[in-house]
Amino acid sequence: MVWAIDCGDLPLALRIGAYVVRHNLIMPDNFGRTAATVLTEEICNPY
């Protein structure tokens, strides 16, 4: 999900993000945030 955002492929990031949030998948510890928060913040932060 994050790599898709970093590559600028937002449609793919949103598809993966929807899956992650829908299935309550947990982000790795180094993110320290929920998947929904990571998705929102990473998309909203400019490059």
PDB file of N, CA and C in Angstrom:
ATOM      1  N   MET A   1       0.822  -1.174   0.000  1.00  0.00           N
ATOM      2  CA  MET A   1       0.000   0.000   0.000  1.00  0.00           C
ATOM      3  C   MET A   1       0.872   1.245   0.000  1.00  0.00           C
ATOM      4  N   VAL A   2       1.816   1.320   0.909  1.00  0.00           N
ATOM      5  CA  VAL A   2       2.656   2.514   1.016  1.00  0.00           C
ATOM      6  C   VAL A   2       3.539   2.662  -0.214  1.00  0.00           C
ATOM      7  N   TRP A   3       4.062   1.555  -0.725  1.00  0.00           N
ATOM      8  CA  TRP A   3       4.912   1.667  -1.914  1.00  0.00           C
ATOM      9  C   TRP A   3       4.110   2.137  -3.107  1.00  0.00           C
ATOM     10  N   ALA A   4       2.837   1.761  -3.194  1.00  0.00           N
ATOM     11  CA  ALA A   4       1.993   2.237  -4.296  1.00  0.00           C
ATOM     12  C   ALA A   4       1.791   3.745  -4.193  1.00  0.00           C
ATOM     13  N   ILE A   5       1.631   4.245  -2.982  1.00  0.00           N
ATOM     14  CA  ILE A   5       1.512   5.695  -2.784  1.00  0.00           C
ATOM     15  C   ILE A   5       2.817   6.366  -3.179  1.00  0.00           C
ATOM     16  N   ASP A   6       3.928   5.816  -2.723  1.00  0.00           N
ATOM     17  CA  ASP A   6       5.238   6.392  -3.044  1.00  0.00           C
ATOM     18  C   ASP A   6       5.493   6.426  -4.547  1.00  0.00           C
ATOM     19  N   CYS A   7       4.969   5.447  -5.270  1.00  0.00           N
ATOM     20  CA  CYS A   7       5.145   5.393  -6.733  1.00  0.00           C
ATOM     21  C   CYS A   7       4.133   6.257  -7.465  1.00  0.00           C
ATOM     22  N   GLY A   8       3.197   6.833  -6.737  1.00  0.00           N
ATOM     23  CA  GLY A   8       2.188   7.682  -7.356  1.00  0.00           C
ATOM     24  C   GLY A   8       1.015   6.931  -7.954  1.00  0.00           C
ATOM     25  N   ASP A   9       0.898   5.644  -7.651  1.00  0.00           N
ATOM     26  CA  ASP A   9      -0.213   4.846  -8.172  1.00  0.00           C
ATOM     27  C   ASP A   9      -1.349   4.853  -7.146  1.00  0.00           C
ATOM     28  N   LEU A  10      -2.047   5.981  -7.064  1.00  0.00           N
ATOM     29  CA  LEU A  10      -3.084   6.132  -6.050  1.00  0.00           C
ATOM     30  C   LEU A  10      -4.269   5.183  -6.245  1.00  0.00           C
ATOM     31  N   PRO A  11      -4.700   4.895  -7.481  1.00  0.00           N
ATOM     32  CA  PRO A  11      -5.790   3.913  -7.611  1.00  0.00           C
ATOM     33  C   PRO A  11      -5.428   2.548  -7.009  1.00  0.00           C
ATOM     34  N   LEU A  12      -4.204   2.094  -7.241  1.00  0.00           N
ATOM     35  CA  LEU A  12      -3.765   0.823  -6.658  1.00  0.00           C
ATOM     36  C   LEU A  12      -3.676   0.935  -5.140  1.00  0.00           C
ATOM     37  N   ALA A  13      -3.132   2.032  -4.650  1.00  0.00           N
ATOM     38  CA  ALA A  13      -3.014   2.233  -3.202  1.00  0.00           C
ATOM     39  C   ALA A  13      -4.384   2.207  -2.535  1.00  0.00           C
ATOM     40  N   LEU A  14      -5.369   2.813  -3.167  1.00  0.00           N
ATOM     41  CA  LEU A  14      -6.715   2.824  -2.593  1.00  0.00           C
ATOM     42  C   LEU A  14      -7.355   1.441  -2.620  1.00  0.00           C
ATOM     43  N   ARG A  15      -7.113   0.673  -3.673  1.00  0.00           N
ATOM     44  CA  ARG A  15      -7.641  -0.705  -3.720  1.00  0.00           C
ATOM     45  C   ARG A  15      -7.011  -1.559  -2.621  1.00  0.00           C
ATOM     46  N   ILE A  16      -5.690  -1.462  -2.486  1.00  0.00           N
ATOM     47  CA  ILE A  16      -5.003  -2.226  -1.440  1.00  0.00           C
ATOM     48  C   ILE A  16      -5.441  -1.730  -0.068  1.00  0.00           C
ATOM     49  N   GLY A  17      -5.511  -0.411   0.089  1.00  0.00           N
ATOM     50  CA  GLY A  17      -5.918   0.178   1.364  1.00  0.00           C
ATOM     51  C   GLY A  17      -7.310  -0.250   1.778  1.00  0.00           C
ATOM     52  N   ALA A  18      -8.230  -0.296   0.834  1.00  0.00           N
ATOM     53  CA  ALA A  18      -9.594  -0.740   1.145  1.00  0.00           C
ATOM     54  C   ALA A  18      -9.588  -2.179   1.648  1.00  0.00           C
ATOM     55  N   TYR A  19      -8.789  -3.022   1.024  1.00  0.00           N
ATOM     56  CA  TYR A  19      -8.674  -4.416   1.449  1.00  0.00           C
ATOM     57  C   TYR A  19      -8.091  -4.495   2.863  1.00  0.00           C
ATOM     58  N   VAL A  20      -7.026  -3.741   3.092  1.00  0.00           N
ATOM     59  CA  VAL A  20      -6.348  -3.756   4.393  1.00  0.00           C
ATOM     60  C   VAL A  20      -7.297  -3.303   5.500  1.00  0.00           C
ATOM     61  N   VAL A  21      -8.013  -2.211   5.259  1.00  0.00           N
ATOM     62  CA  VAL A  21      -8.933  -1.682   6.273  1.00  0.00           C
ATOM     63  C   VAL A  21     -10.116  -2.630   6.469  1.00  0.00           C
ATOM     64  N   ARG A  22     -10.677  -3.130   5.376  1.00  0.00           N
ATOM     65  CA  ARG A  22     -11.840  -4.024   5.459  1.00  0.00           C
ATOM     66  C   ARG A  22     -11.533  -5.278   6.271  1.00  0.00           C
ATOM     67  N   HIS A  23     -10.309  -5.783   6.149  1.00  0.00           N
ATOM     68  CA  HIS A  23      -9.937  -7.022   6.825  1.00  0.00           C
ATOM     69  C   HIS A  23      -9.147  -6.786   8.114  1.00  0.00           C
ATOM     70  N   ASN A  24      -9.111  -5.533   8.561  1.00  0.00           N
ATOM     71  CA  ASN A  24      -8.454  -5.171   9.824  1.00  0.00           C
ATOM     72  C   ASN A  24      -7.017  -5.671   9.910  1.00  0.00           C
ATOM     73  N   LEU A  25      -6.285  -5.562   8.799  1.00  0.00           N
ATOM     74  CA  LEU A  25      -4.884  -5.964   8.812  1.00  0.00           C
ATOM     75  C   LEU A  25      -4.075  -4.936   9.594  1.00  0.00           C
ATOM     76  N   ILE A  26      -3.047  -5.397  10.263  1.00  0.00           N
ATOM     77  CA  ILE A  26      -2.238  -4.544  11.134  1.00  0.00           C
ATOM     78  C   ILE A  26      -0.985  -4.109  10.391  1.00  0.00           C
ATOM     79  N   MET A  27      -0.665  -2.829  10.509  1.00  0.00           N
ATOM     80  CA  MET A  27       0.549  -2.298   9.901  1.00  0.00           C
ATOM     81  C   MET A  27       1.759  -2.771  10.708  1.00  0.00           C
ATOM     82  N   PRO A  28       2.929  -2.852  10.086  1.00  0.00           N
ATOM     83  CA  PRO A  28       4.142  -3.203  10.826  1.00  0.00           C
ATOM     84  C   PRO A  28       4.392  -2.205  11.964  1.00  0.00           C
ATOM     85  N   ASP A  29       5.075  -2.657  12.991  1.00  0.00           N
ATOM     86  CA  ASP A  29       5.312  -1.846  14.189  1.00  0.00           C
ATOM     87  C   ASP A  29       5.964  -0.504  13.898  1.00  0.00           C
ATOM     88  N   ASN A  30       6.832  -0.445  12.892  1.00  0.00           N
ATOM     89  CA  ASN A  30       7.555   0.805  12.652  1.00  0.00           C
ATOM     90  C   ASN A  30       6.646   1.929  12.156  1.00  0.00           C
ATOM     91  N   PHE A  31       5.416   1.622  11.736  1.00  0.00           N
ATOM     92  CA  PHE A  31       4.489   2.672  11.330  1.00  0.00           C
ATOM     93  C   PHE A  31       3.812   3.296  12.546  1.00  0.00           C
ATOM     94  N   GLY A  32       3.520   2.520  13.566  1.00  0.00           N
ATOM     95  CA  GLY A  32       2.953   3.035  14.805  1.00  0.00           C
ATOM     96  C   GLY A  32       1.577   3.669  14.656  1.00  0.00           C
ATOM     97  N   ARG A  33       0.869   3.358  13.574  1.00  0.00           N
ATOM     98  CA  ARG A  33      -0.460   3.918  13.330  1.00  0.00           C
ATOM     99  C   ARG A  33      -1.330   2.832  12.706  1.00  0.00           C
ATOM    100  N   THR A  34      -2.626   3.086  12.714  1.00  0.00           N
ATOM    101  CA  THR A  34      -3.523   2.129  12.064  1.00  0.00           C
ATOM    102  C   THR A  34      -3.369   2.241  10.550  1.00  0.00           C
ATOM    103  N   ALA A  35      -3.827   1.223   9.851  1.00  0.00           N
ATOM    104  CA  ALA A  35      -3.741   1.227   8.389  1.00  0.00           C
ATOM    105  C   ALA A  35      -4.528   2.390   7.798  1.00  0.00           C
ATOM    106  N   ALA A  36      -5.698   2.677   8.350  1.00  0.00           N
ATOM    107  CA  ALA A  36      -6.510   3.790   7.844  1.00  0.00           C
ATOM    108  C   ALA A  36      -5.785   5.119   8.021  1.00  0.00           C
ATOM    109  N   THR A  37      -5.115   5.290   9.152  1.00  0.00           N
ATOM    110  CA  THR A  37      -4.372   6.522   9.400  1.00  0.00           C
ATOM    111  C   THR A  37      -3.187   6.637   8.459  1.00  0.00           C
ATOM    112  N   VAL A  38      -2.457   5.554   8.271  1.00  0.00           N
ATOM    113  CA  VAL A  38      -1.314   5.559   7.349  1.00  0.00           C
ATOM    114  C   VAL A  38      -1.791   5.909   5.945  1.00  0.00           C
ATOM    115  N   LEU A  39      -2.851   5.275   5.495  1.00  0.00           N
ATOM    116  CA  LEU A  39      -3.380   5.524   4.157  1.00  0.00           C
ATOM    117  C   LEU A  39      -3.756   6.998   3.993  1.00  0.00           C
ATOM    118  N   THR A  40      -4.484   7.525   4.941  1.00  0.00           N
ATOM    119  CA  THR A  40      -4.918   8.924   4.872  1.00  0.00           C
ATOM    120  C   THR A  40      -3.743   9.880   4.899  1.00  0.00           C
ATOM    121  N   GLU A  41      -2.841   9.702   5.851  1.00  0.00           N
ATOM    122  CA  GLU A  41      -1.715  10.628   5.990  1.00  0.00           C
ATOM    123  C   GLU A  41      -0.766  10.563   4.803  1.00  0.00           C
ATOM    124  N   GLU A  42      -0.483   9.370   4.317  1.00  0.00           N
ATOM    125  CA  GLU A  42       0.464   9.240   3.207  1.00  0.00           C
ATOM    126  C   GLU A  42      -0.098   9.819   1.913  1.00  0.00           C
ATOM    127  N   ILE A  43      -1.388   9.663   1.687  1.00  0.00           N
ATOM    128  CA  ILE A  43      -1.989  10.232   0.479  1.00  0.00           C
ATOM    129  C   ILE A  43      -2.072  11.753   0.589  1.00  0.00           C
ATOM    130  N   CYS A  44      -2.339  12.257   1.782  1.00  0.00           N
ATOM    131  CA  CYS A  44      -2.499  13.706   1.961  1.00  0.00           C
ATOM    132  C   CYS A  44      -1.180  14.459   2.032  1.00  0.00           C
ATOM    133  N   ASN A  45      -0.094  13.786   2.368  1.00  0.00           N
ATOM    134  CA  ASN A  45       1.202  14.465   2.449  1.00  0.00           C
ATOM    135  C   ASN A  45       1.762  14.682   1.053  1.00  0.00           C
ATOM    136  N   PRO A  46       2.153  15.913   0.745  1.00  0.00           N
ATOM    137  CA  PRO A  46       2.765  16.150  -0.574  1.00  0.00           C
ATOM    138  C   PRO A  46       4.144  15.501  -0.644  1.00  0.00           C
ATOM    139  N   TYR A  47       4.594  15.236  -1.853  1.00  0.00           N
ATOM    140  CA  TYR A  47       5.898  14.597  -2.052  1.00  0.00           C
ATOM    141  C   TYR A  47       7.009  15.523  -1.675  1.00  0.00           C
TER     142      TYR A  47
END
